[in-house]
Amino acid sequence: MVFAGALPCIILGYLIAVKQMRGLIAGWDESKISNPEKFAKWIGYSVLTLGLLIGLIAFIWYLGLVDEIGMTILLCVVSLTPIPCLLIANAKYGKHGS
């Protein structure tokens, strides 16, 4: 879980938020965003947070503090983290109307 889930999210989140590699965002169109840097920070840090939470869940599972069903539920809940961040970023920095 750490190598297949957490590390790619952490690396991509860092590249998007800190290094401003906005081309890594799927469907990126800078003309539709009023402040691309802040938008990328919202998206990048949400993906970075997702990676850290996946790593934390893997560590908790490794310690035996949660069983497989609990781990699955936690992963399902955590996987939704970027969605509200995308909606907030789109509401704040998306160009609405003409």
PDB file of N, CA and C in Angstrom:
ATOM      1  N   MET A   1       0.824  -1.204   0.000  1.00  0.00           N
ATOM      2  CA  MET A   1       0.000   0.000   0.000  1.00  0.00           C
ATOM      3  C   MET A   1       0.862   1.259   0.000  1.00  0.00           C
ATOM      4  N   VAL A   2       1.971   1.191   0.695  1.00  0.00           N
ATOM      5  CA  VAL A   2       2.802   2.383   0.776  1.00  0.00           C
ATOM      6  C   VAL A   2       3.428   2.696  -0.575  1.00  0.00           C
ATOM      7  N   PHE A   3       3.969   1.680  -1.245  1.00  0.00           N
ATOM      8  CA  PHE A   3       4.652   1.924  -2.512  1.00  0.00           C
ATOM      9  C   PHE A   3       3.673   2.144  -3.663  1.00  0.00           C
ATOM     10  N   ALA A   4       2.552   1.444  -3.658  1.00  0.00           N
ATOM     11  CA  ALA A   4       1.613   1.551  -4.776  1.00  0.00           C
ATOM     12  C   ALA A   4       0.605   2.684  -4.596  1.00  0.00           C
ATOM     13  N   GLY A   5       0.330   3.075  -3.357  1.00  0.00           N
ATOM     14  CA  GLY A   5      -0.691   4.090  -3.129  1.00  0.00           C
ATOM     15  C   GLY A   5      -0.168   5.374  -2.539  1.00  0.00           C
ATOM     16  N   ALA A   6       0.555   5.260  -1.449  1.00  0.00           N
ATOM     17  CA  ALA A   6       0.964   6.467  -0.718  1.00  0.00           C
ATOM     18  C   ALA A   6       2.065   7.238  -1.432  1.00  0.00           C
ATOM     19  N   LEU A   7       3.129   6.577  -1.810  1.00  0.00           N
ATOM     20  CA  LEU A   7       4.257   7.287  -2.416  1.00  0.00           C
ATOM     21  C   LEU A   7       3.908   8.012  -3.718  1.00  0.00           C
ATOM     22  N   PRO A   8       3.178   7.386  -4.650  1.00  0.00           N
ATOM     23  CA  PRO A   8       2.808   8.143  -5.857  1.00  0.00           C
ATOM     24  C   PRO A   8       1.961   9.380  -5.543  1.00  0.00           C
ATOM     25  N   CYS A   9       1.051   9.273  -4.586  1.00  0.00           N
ATOM     26  CA  CYS A   9       0.228  10.431  -4.221  1.00  0.00           C
ATOM     27  C   CYS A   9       1.075  11.524  -3.584  1.00  0.00           C
ATOM     28  N   ILE A  10       1.996  11.139  -2.724  1.00  0.00           N
ATOM     29  CA  ILE A  10       2.859  12.118  -2.070  1.00  0.00           C
ATOM     30  C   ILE A  10       3.732  12.821  -3.103  1.00  0.00           C
ATOM     31  N   ILE A  11       4.316  12.055  -3.998  1.00  0.00           N
ATOM     32  CA  ILE A  11       5.194  12.641  -5.021  1.00  0.00           C
ATOM     33  C   ILE A  11       4.405  13.552  -5.962  1.00  0.00           C
ATOM     34  N   LEU A  12       3.267  13.075  -6.463  1.00  0.00           N
ATOM     35  CA  LEU A  12       2.455  13.893  -7.370  1.00  0.00           C
ATOM     36  C   LEU A  12       1.916  15.139  -6.682  1.00  0.00           C
ATOM     37  N   GLY A  13       1.466  14.981  -5.441  1.00  0.00           N
ATOM     38  CA  GLY A  13       0.981  16.136  -4.691  1.00  0.00           C
ATOM     39  C   GLY A  13       2.056  17.182  -4.497  1.00  0.00           C
ATOM     40  N   TYR A  14       3.276  16.734  -4.192  1.00  0.00           N
ATOM     41  CA  TYR A  14       4.404  17.652  -4.036  1.00  0.00           C
ATOM     42  C   TYR A  14       4.715  18.357  -5.356  1.00  0.00           C
ATOM     43  N   LEU A  15       4.750  17.597  -6.437  1.00  0.00           N
ATOM     44  CA  LEU A  15       5.068  18.189  -7.732  1.00  0.00           C
ATOM     45  C   LEU A  15       4.019  19.216  -8.156  1.00  0.00           C
ATOM     46  N   ILE A  16       2.762  18.946  -7.869  1.00  0.00           N
ATOM     47  CA  ILE A  16       1.695  19.864  -8.256  1.00  0.00           C
ATOM     48  C   ILE A  16       1.672  21.093  -7.344  1.00  0.00           C
ATOM     49  N   ALA A  17       1.710  20.885  -6.033  1.00  0.00           N
ATOM     50  CA  ALA A  17       1.556  21.997  -5.090  1.00  0.00           C
ATOM     51  C   ALA A  17       2.812  22.846  -4.961  1.00  0.00           C
ATOM     52  N   VAL A  18       3.957  22.218  -4.816  1.00  0.00           N
ATOM     53  CA  VAL A  18       5.183  22.958  -4.524  1.00  0.00           C
ATOM     54  C   VAL A  18       5.926  23.353  -5.795  1.00  0.00           C
ATOM     55  N   LYS A  19       6.095  22.410  -6.698  1.00  0.00           N
ATOM     56  CA  LYS A  19       6.843  22.680  -7.932  1.00  0.00           C
ATOM     57  C   LYS A  19       5.965  23.272  -9.040  1.00  0.00           C
ATOM     58  N   GLN A  20       4.665  23.381  -8.775  1.00  0.00           N
ATOM     59  CA  GLN A  20       3.713  23.983  -9.707  1.00  0.00           C
ATOM     60  C   GLN A  20       3.718  23.313 -11.085  1.00  0.00           C
ATOM     61  N   MET A  21       3.806  21.999 -11.106  1.00  0.00           N
ATOM     62  CA  MET A  21       3.728  21.243 -12.365  1.00  0.00           C
ATOM     63  C   MET A  21       2.249  20.968 -12.638  1.00  0.00           C
ATOM     64  N   ARG A  22       1.539  22.019 -13.036  1.00  0.00           N
ATOM     65  CA  ARG A  22       0.086  21.943 -13.190  1.00  0.00           C
ATOM     66  C   ARG A  22      -0.350  21.025 -14.322  1.00  0.00           C
ATOM     67  N   GLY A  23       0.529  20.698 -15.237  1.00  0.00           N
ATOM     68  CA  GLY A  23       0.198  19.785 -16.319  1.00  0.00           C
ATOM     69  C   GLY A  23      -0.110  18.379 -15.832  1.00  0.00           C
ATOM     70  N   LEU A  24       0.258  18.076 -14.582  1.00  0.00           N
ATOM     71  CA  LEU A  24      -0.040  16.760 -14.013  1.00  0.00           C
ATOM     72  C   LEU A  24      -1.495  16.621 -13.571  1.00  0.00           C
ATOM     73  N   ILE A  25      -2.207  17.739 -13.525  1.00  0.00           N
ATOM     74  CA  ILE A  25      -3.625  17.697 -13.158  1.00  0.00           C
ATOM     75  C   ILE A  25      -4.414  17.257 -14.390  1.00  0.00           C
ATOM     76  N   ALA A  26      -5.205  16.224 -14.240  1.00  0.00           N
ATOM     77  CA  ALA A  26      -5.969  15.695 -15.374  1.00  0.00           C
ATOM     78  C   ALA A  26      -6.951  16.738 -15.889  1.00  0.00           C
ATOM     79  N   GLY A  27      -6.958  16.927 -17.199  1.00  0.00           N
ATOM     80  CA  GLY A  27      -7.881  17.867 -17.831  1.00  0.00           C
ATOM     81  C   GLY A  27      -7.539  19.317 -17.572  1.00  0.00           C
ATOM     82  N   TRP A  28      -6.282  19.607 -17.281  1.00  0.00           N
ATOM     83  CA  TRP A  28      -5.870  20.970 -16.941  1.00  0.00           C
ATOM     84  C   TRP A  28      -6.063  21.911 -18.119  1.00  0.00           C
ATOM     85  N   ASP A  29      -6.782  23.011 -17.880  1.00  0.00           N
ATOM     86  CA  ASP A  29      -6.958  24.069 -18.872  1.00  0.00           C
ATOM     87  C   ASP A  29      -6.831  25.394 -18.132  1.00  0.00           C
ATOM     88  N   GLU A  30      -5.678  26.014 -18.275  1.00  0.00           N
ATOM     89  CA  GLU A  30      -5.371  27.225 -17.519  1.00  0.00           C
ATOM     90  C   GLU A  30      -6.312  28.377 -17.841  1.00  0.00           C
ATOM     91  N   SER A  31      -6.923  28.352 -19.012  1.00  0.00           N
ATOM     92  CA  SER A  31      -7.833  29.442 -19.381  1.00  0.00           C
ATOM     93  C   SER A  31      -9.124  29.408 -18.562  1.00  0.00           C
ATOM     94  N   LYS A  32      -9.411  28.301 -17.912  1.00  0.00           N
ATOM     95  CA  LYS A  32     -10.630  28.184 -17.115  1.00  0.00           C
ATOM     96  C   LYS A  32     -10.408  28.500 -15.637  1.00  0.00           C
ATOM     97  N   ILE A  33      -9.179  28.881 -15.269  1.00  0.00           N
ATOM     98  CA  ILE A  33      -8.827  29.113 -13.874  1.00  0.00           C
ATOM     99  C   ILE A  33      -8.364  30.554 -13.707  1.00  0.00           C
ATOM    100  N   SER A  34      -8.893  31.249 -12.694  1.00  0.00           N
ATOM    101  CA  SER A  34      -8.511  32.647 -12.473  1.00  0.00           C
ATOM    102  C   SER A  34      -7.154  32.775 -11.780  1.00  0.00           C
ATOM    103  N   ASN A  35      -6.810  31.850 -10.893  1.00  0.00           N
ATOM    104  CA  ASN A  35      -5.527  31.889 -10.194  1.00  0.00           C
ATOM    105  C   ASN A  35      -4.922  30.483 -10.223  1.00  0.00           C
ATOM    106  N   PRO A  36      -4.185  30.138 -11.269  1.00  0.00           N
ATOM    107  CA  PRO A  36      -3.673  28.780 -11.425  1.00  0.00           C
ATOM    108  C   PRO A  36      -2.756  28.317 -10.292  1.00  0.00           C
ATOM    109  N   GLU A  37      -1.964  29.224  -9.718  1.00  0.00           N
ATOM    110  CA  GLU A  37      -1.035  28.829  -8.659  1.00  0.00           C
ATOM    111  C   GLU A  37      -1.788  28.374  -7.410  1.00  0.00           C
ATOM    112  N   LYS A  38      -2.778  29.140  -7.003  1.00  0.00           N
ATOM    113  CA  LYS A  38      -3.542  28.774  -5.804  1.00  0.00           C
ATOM    114  C   LYS A  38      -4.402  27.535  -6.053  1.00  0.00           C
ATOM    115  N   PHE A  39      -4.950  27.433  -7.255  1.00  0.00           N
ATOM    116  CA  PHE A  39      -5.735  26.245  -7.611  1.00  0.00           C
ATOM    117  C   PHE A  39      -4.858  24.998  -7.513  1.00  0.00           C
ATOM    118  N   ALA A  40      -3.648  25.078  -8.063  1.00  0.00           N
ATOM    119  CA  ALA A  40      -2.732  23.936  -8.028  1.00  0.00           C
ATOM    120  C   ALA A  40      -2.333  23.591  -6.597  1.00  0.00           C
ATOM    121  N   LYS A  41      -2.204  24.594  -5.745  1.00  0.00           N
ATOM    122  CA  LYS A  41      -1.878  24.313  -4.342  1.00  0.00           C
ATOM    123  C   LYS A  41      -3.001  23.539  -3.669  1.00  0.00           C
ATOM    124  N   TRP A  42      -4.250  23.929  -3.918  1.00  0.00           N
ATOM    125  CA  TRP A  42      -5.380  23.205  -3.346  1.00  0.00           C
ATOM    126  C   TRP A  42      -5.369  21.741  -3.793  1.00  0.00           C
ATOM    127  N   ILE A  43      -5.216  21.536  -5.092  1.00  0.00           N
ATOM    128  CA  ILE A  43      -5.251  20.183  -5.630  1.00  0.00           C
ATOM    129  C   ILE A  43      -4.032  19.397  -5.159  1.00  0.00           C
ATOM    130  N   GLY A  44      -2.853  19.988  -5.263  1.00  0.00           N
ATOM    131  CA  GLY A  44      -1.627  19.300  -4.891  1.00  0.00           C
ATOM    132  C   GLY A  44      -1.592  18.906  -3.430  1.00  0.00           C
ATOM    133  N   TYR A  45      -1.960  19.828  -2.551  1.00  0.00           N
ATOM    134  CA  TYR A  45      -1.932  19.500  -1.125  1.00  0.00           C
ATOM    135  C   TYR A  45      -3.005  18.486  -0.752  1.00  0.00           C
ATOM    136  N   SER A  46      -4.124  18.468  -1.481  1.00  0.00           N
ATOM    137  CA  SER A  46      -5.138  17.450  -1.189  1.00  0.00           C
ATOM    138  C   SER A  46      -4.637  16.060  -1.594  1.00  0.00           C
ATOM    139  N   VAL A  47      -3.933  15.979  -2.709  1.00  0.00           N
ATOM    140  CA  VAL A  47      -3.365  14.687  -3.135  1.00  0.00           C
ATOM    141  C   VAL A  47      -2.225  14.278  -2.195  1.00  0.00           C
ATOM    142  N   LEU A  48      -1.424  15.238  -1.767  1.00  0.00           N
ATOM    143  CA  LEU A  48      -0.358  14.964  -0.807  1.00  0.00           C
ATOM    144  C   LEU A  48      -0.944  14.455   0.509  1.00  0.00           C
ATOM    145  N   THR A  49      -2.003  15.093   0.978  1.00  0.00           N
ATOM    146  CA  THR A  49      -2.681  14.648   2.199  1.00  0.00           C
ATOM    147  C   THR A  49      -3.240  13.240   2.025  1.00  0.00           C
ATOM    148  N   LEU A  50      -3.805  12.965   0.867  1.00  0.00           N
ATOM    149  CA  LEU A  50      -4.303  11.622   0.574  1.00  0.00           C
ATOM    150  C   LEU A  50      -3.182  10.600   0.712  1.00  0.00           C
ATOM    151  N   GLY A  51      -2.030  10.883   0.151  1.00  0.00           N
ATOM    152  CA  GLY A  51      -0.897   9.967   0.250  1.00  0.00           C
ATOM    153  C   GLY A  51      -0.454   9.752   1.684  1.00  0.00           C
ATOM    154  N   LEU A  52      -0.394  10.817   2.456  1.00  0.00           N
ATOM    155  CA  LEU A  52       0.004  10.692   3.859  1.00  0.00           C
ATOM    156  C   LEU A  52      -1.015   9.874   4.654  1.00  0.00           C
ATOM    157  N   LEU A  53      -2.294  10.075   4.376  1.00  0.00           N
ATOM    158  CA  LEU A  53      -3.329   9.307   5.074  1.00  0.00           C
ATOM    159  C   LEU A  53      -3.302   7.831   4.682  1.00  0.00           C
ATOM    160  N   ILE A  54      -3.029   7.538   3.427  1.00  0.00           N
ATOM    161  CA  ILE A  54      -2.902   6.137   3.007  1.00  0.00           C
ATOM    162  C   ILE A  54      -1.720   5.496   3.729  1.00  0.00           C
ATOM    163  N   GLY A  55      -0.610   6.218   3.821  1.00  0.00           N
ATOM    164  CA  GLY A  55       0.551   5.701   4.557  1.00  0.00           C
ATOM    165  C   GLY A  55       0.243   5.487   6.024  1.00  0.00           C
ATOM    166  N   LEU A  56      -0.509   6.411   6.623  1.00  0.00           N
ATOM    167  CA  LEU A  56      -0.894   6.266   8.029  1.00  0.00           C
ATOM    168  C   LEU A  56      -1.796   5.052   8.238  1.00  0.00           C
ATOM    169  N   ILE A  57      -2.734   4.858   7.343  1.00  0.00           N
ATOM    170  CA  ILE A  57      -3.624   3.692   7.438  1.00  0.00           C
ATOM    171  C   ILE A  57      -2.826   2.406   7.285  1.00  0.00           C
ATOM    172  N   ALA A  58      -1.880   2.386   6.367  1.00  0.00           N
ATOM    173  CA  ALA A  58      -1.038   1.197   6.198  1.00  0.00           C
ATOM    174  C   ALA A  58      -0.245   0.914   7.461  1.00  0.00           C
ATOM    175  N   PHE A  59       0.268   1.960   8.102  1.00  0.00           N
ATOM    176  CA  PHE A  59       1.037   1.785   9.333  1.00  0.00           C
ATOM    177  C   PHE A  59       0.148   1.282  10.465  1.00  0.00           C
ATOM    178  N   ILE A  60      -1.054   1.836  10.578  1.00  0.00           N
ATOM    179  CA  ILE A  60      -2.002   1.383  11.610  1.00  0.00           C
ATOM    180  C   ILE A  60      -2.374  -0.080  11.383  1.00  0.00           C
ATOM    181  N   TRP A  61      -2.563  -0.456  10.132  1.00  0.00           N
ATOM    182  CA  TRP A  61      -2.885  -1.849   9.797  1.00  0.00           C
ATOM    183  C   TRP A  61      -1.704  -2.743  10.114  1.00  0.00           C
ATOM    184  N   TYR A  62      -0.492  -2.291   9.818  1.00  0.00           N
ATOM    185  CA  TYR A  62       0.715  -3.055  10.117  1.00  0.00           C
ATOM    186  C   TYR A  62       0.855  -3.313  11.620  1.00  0.00           C
ATOM    187  N   LEU A  63       0.493  -2.325  12.423  1.00  0.00           N
ATOM    188  CA  LEU A  63       0.565  -2.488  13.873  1.00  0.00           C
ATOM    189  C   LEU A  63      -0.542  -3.392  14.410  1.00  0.00           C
ATOM    190  N   GLY A  64      -1.513  -3.722  13.587  1.00  0.00           N
ATOM    191  CA  GLY A  64      -2.606  -4.594  14.002  1.00  0.00           C
ATOM    192  C   GLY A  64      -3.702  -3.872  14.769  1.00  0.00           C
ATOM    193  N   LEU A  65      -3.756  -2.565  14.662  1.00  0.00           N
ATOM    194  CA  LEU A  65      -4.768  -1.796  15.377  1.00  0.00           C
ATOM    195  C   LEU A  65      -6.109  -1.775  14.654  1.00  0.00           C
ATOM    196  N   VAL A  66      -6.105  -2.227  13.412  1.00  0.00           N
ATOM    197  CA  VAL A  66      -7.338  -2.284  12.635  1.00  0.00           C
ATOM    198  C   VAL A  66      -7.273  -3.528  11.748  1.00  0.00           C
ATOM    199  N   ASP A  67      -8.421  -4.185  11.554  1.00  0.00           N
ATOM    200  CA  ASP A  67      -8.441  -5.376  10.704  1.00  0.00           C
ATOM    201  C   ASP A  67      -8.636  -4.969   9.240  1.00  0.00           C
ATOM    202  N   GLU A  68      -8.773  -5.968   8.370  1.00  0.00           N
ATOM    203  CA  GLU A  68      -8.871  -5.685   6.938  1.00  0.00           C
ATOM    204  C   GLU A  68     -10.139  -4.920   6.575  1.00  0.00           C
ATOM    205  N   ILE A  69     -11.234  -5.243   7.240  1.00  0.00           N
ATOM    206  CA  ILE A  69     -12.489  -4.545   6.954  1.00  0.00           C
ATOM    207  C   ILE A  69     -12.380  -3.080   7.380  1.00  0.00           C
ATOM    208  N   GLY A  70     -11.829  -2.853   8.549  1.00  0.00           N
ATOM    209  CA  GLY A  70     -11.634  -1.486   9.017  1.00  0.00           C
ATOM    210  C   GLY A  70     -10.700  -0.709   8.108  1.00  0.00           C
ATOM    211  N   MET A  71      -9.639  -1.374   7.654  1.00  0.00           N
ATOM    212  CA  MET A  71      -8.699  -0.735   6.745  1.00  0.00           C
ATOM    213  C   MET A  71      -9.398  -0.366   5.439  1.00  0.00           C
ATOM    214  N   THR A  72     -10.221  -1.250   4.929  1.00  0.00           N
ATOM    215  CA  THR A  72     -10.941  -0.996   3.688  1.00  0.00           C
ATOM    216  C   THR A  72     -11.884   0.195   3.835  1.00  0.00           C
ATOM    217  N   ILE A  73     -12.593   0.243   4.939  1.00  0.00           N
ATOM    218  CA  ILE A  73     -13.504   1.365   5.187  1.00  0.00           C
ATOM    219  C   ILE A  73     -12.725   2.665   5.289  1.00  0.00           C
ATOM    220  N   LEU A  74     -11.618   2.655   6.028  1.00  0.00           N
ATOM    221  CA  LEU A  74     -10.792   3.856   6.156  1.00  0.00           C
ATOM    222  C   LEU A  74     -10.254   4.310   4.802  1.00  0.00           C
ATOM    223  N   LEU A  75      -9.798   3.369   3.992  1.00  0.00           N
ATOM    224  CA  LEU A  75      -9.280   3.725   2.671  1.00  0.00           C
ATOM    225  C   LEU A  75     -10.367   4.310   1.773  1.00  0.00           C
ATOM    226  N   CYS A  76     -11.574   3.761   1.861  1.00  0.00           N
ATOM    227  CA  CYS A  76     -12.687   4.295   1.059  1.00  0.00           C
ATOM    228  C   CYS A  76     -13.017   5.723   1.474  1.00  0.00           C
ATOM    229  N   VAL A  77     -13.036   5.988   2.771  1.00  0.00           N
ATOM    230  CA  VAL A  77     -13.343   7.330   3.258  1.00  0.00           C
ATOM    231  C   VAL A  77     -12.235   8.305   2.879  1.00  0.00           C
ATOM    232  N   VAL A  78     -10.993   7.893   3.089  1.00  0.00           N
ATOM    233  CA  VAL A  78      -9.842   8.760   2.808  1.00  0.00           C
ATOM    234  C   VAL A  78      -9.723   9.046   1.320  1.00  0.00           C
ATOM    235  N   SER A  79     -10.102   8.099   0.480  1.00  0.00           N
ATOM    236  CA  SER A  79      -9.963   8.290  -0.965  1.00  0.00           C
ATOM    237  C   SER A  79     -10.861   9.413  -1.487  1.00  0.00           C
ATOM    238  N   LEU A  80     -11.829   9.835  -0.687  1.00  0.00           N
ATOM    239  CA  LEU A  80     -12.717  10.927  -1.080  1.00  0.00           C
ATOM    240  C   LEU A  80     -12.139  12.302  -0.754  1.00  0.00           C
ATOM    241  N   THR A  81     -10.997  12.358  -0.079  1.00  0.00           N
ATOM    242  CA  THR A  81     -10.394  13.625   0.355  1.00  0.00           C
ATOM    243  C   THR A  81     -10.225  14.649  -0.762  1.00  0.00           C
ATOM    244  N   PRO A  82      -9.695  14.294  -1.931  1.00  0.00           N
ATOM    245  CA  PRO A  82      -9.489  15.327  -2.957  1.00  0.00           C
ATOM    246  C   PRO A  82     -10.776  15.908  -3.558  1.00  0.00           C
ATOM    247  N   ILE A  83     -11.891  15.219  -3.428  1.00  0.00           N
ATOM    248  CA  ILE A  83     -13.123  15.683  -4.069  1.00  0.00           C
ATOM    249  C   ILE A  83     -13.614  17.008  -3.490  1.00  0.00           C
ATOM    250  N   PRO A  84     -13.777  17.135  -2.159  1.00  0.00           N
ATOM    251  CA  PRO A  84     -14.206  18.446  -1.658  1.00  0.00           C
ATOM    252  C   PRO A  84     -13.175  19.540  -1.915  1.00  0.00           C
ATOM    253  N   CYS A  85     -11.898  19.177  -1.893  1.00  0.00           N
ATOM    254  CA  CYS A  85     -10.861  20.169  -2.187  1.00  0.00           C
ATOM    255  C   CYS A  85     -10.966  20.662  -3.623  1.00  0.00           C
ATOM    256  N   LEU A  86     -11.254  19.774  -4.555  1.00  0.00           N
ATOM    257  CA  LEU A  86     -11.448  20.175  -5.944  1.00  0.00           C
ATOM    258  C   LEU A  86     -12.659  21.084  -6.083  1.00  0.00           C
ATOM    259  N   LEU A  87     -13.736  20.743  -5.402  1.00  0.00           N
ATOM    260  CA  LEU A  87     -14.946  21.564  -5.472  1.00  0.00           C
ATOM    261  C   LEU A  87     -14.707  22.952  -4.885  1.00  0.00           C
ATOM    262  N   ILE A  88     -13.987  23.016  -3.767  1.00  0.00           N
ATOM    263  CA  ILE A  88     -13.681  24.307  -3.153  1.00  0.00           C
ATOM    264  C   ILE A  88     -12.773  25.128  -4.063  1.00  0.00           C
ATOM    265  N   ALA A  89     -11.719  24.488  -4.575  1.00  0.00           N
ATOM    266  CA  ALA A  89     -10.784  25.187  -5.460  1.00  0.00           C
ATOM    267  C   ALA A  89     -11.489  25.682  -6.722  1.00  0.00           C
ATOM    268  N   ASN A  90     -12.375  24.877  -7.271  1.00  0.00           N
ATOM    269  CA  ASN A  90     -13.117  25.269  -8.464  1.00  0.00           C
ATOM    270  C   ASN A  90     -14.064  26.436  -8.159  1.00  0.00           C
ATOM    271  N   ALA A  91     -14.679  26.407  -6.987  1.00  0.00           N
ATOM    272  CA  ALA A  91     -15.581  27.505  -6.610  1.00  0.00           C
ATOM    273  C   ALA A  91     -14.801  28.797  -6.377  1.00  0.00           C
ATOM    274  N   LYS A  92     -13.601  28.695  -5.803  1.00  0.00           N
ATOM    275  CA  LYS A  92     -12.810  29.891  -5.501  1.00  0.00           C
ATOM    276  C   LYS A  92     -12.095  30.444  -6.724  1.00  0.00           C
ATOM    277  N   TYR A  93     -11.513  29.567  -7.544  1.00  0.00           N
ATOM    278  CA  TYR A  93     -10.605  30.000  -8.585  1.00  0.00           C
ATOM    279  C   TYR A  93     -11.048  29.683 -10.005  1.00  0.00           C
ATOM    280  N   GLY A  94     -12.179  29.022 -10.154  1.00  0.00           N
ATOM    281  CA  GLY A  94     -12.679  28.741 -11.493  1.00  0.00           C
ATOM    282  C   GLY A  94     -13.334  29.979 -12.077  1.00  0.00           C
ATOM    283  N   LYS A  95     -13.175  30.170 -13.370  1.00  0.00           N
ATOM    284  CA  LYS A  95     -13.826  31.299 -14.037  1.00  0.00           C
ATOM    285  C   LYS A  95     -15.269  30.907 -14.316  1.00  0.00           C
ATOM    286  N   HIS A  96     -16.202  31.682 -13.775  1.00  0.00           N
ATOM    287  CA  HIS A  96     -17.623  31.380 -13.940  1.00  0.00           C
ATOM    288  C   HIS A  96     -18.240  32.428 -14.853  1.00  0.00           C
ATOM    289  N   GLY A  97     -19.031  31.967 -15.754  1.00  0.00           N
ATOM    290  CA  GLY A  97     -19.692  32.879 -16.684  1.00  0.00           C
ATOM    291  C   GLY A  97     -18.739  33.348 -17.768  1.00  0.00           C
ATOM    292  N   SER A  98     -19.056  34.489 -18.373  1.00  0.00           N
ATOM    293  CA  SER A  98     -18.213  34.988 -19.457  1.00  0.00           C
ATOM    294  C   SER A  98     -17.365  36.168 -19.060  1.00  0.00           C
TER     295      SER A  98
END
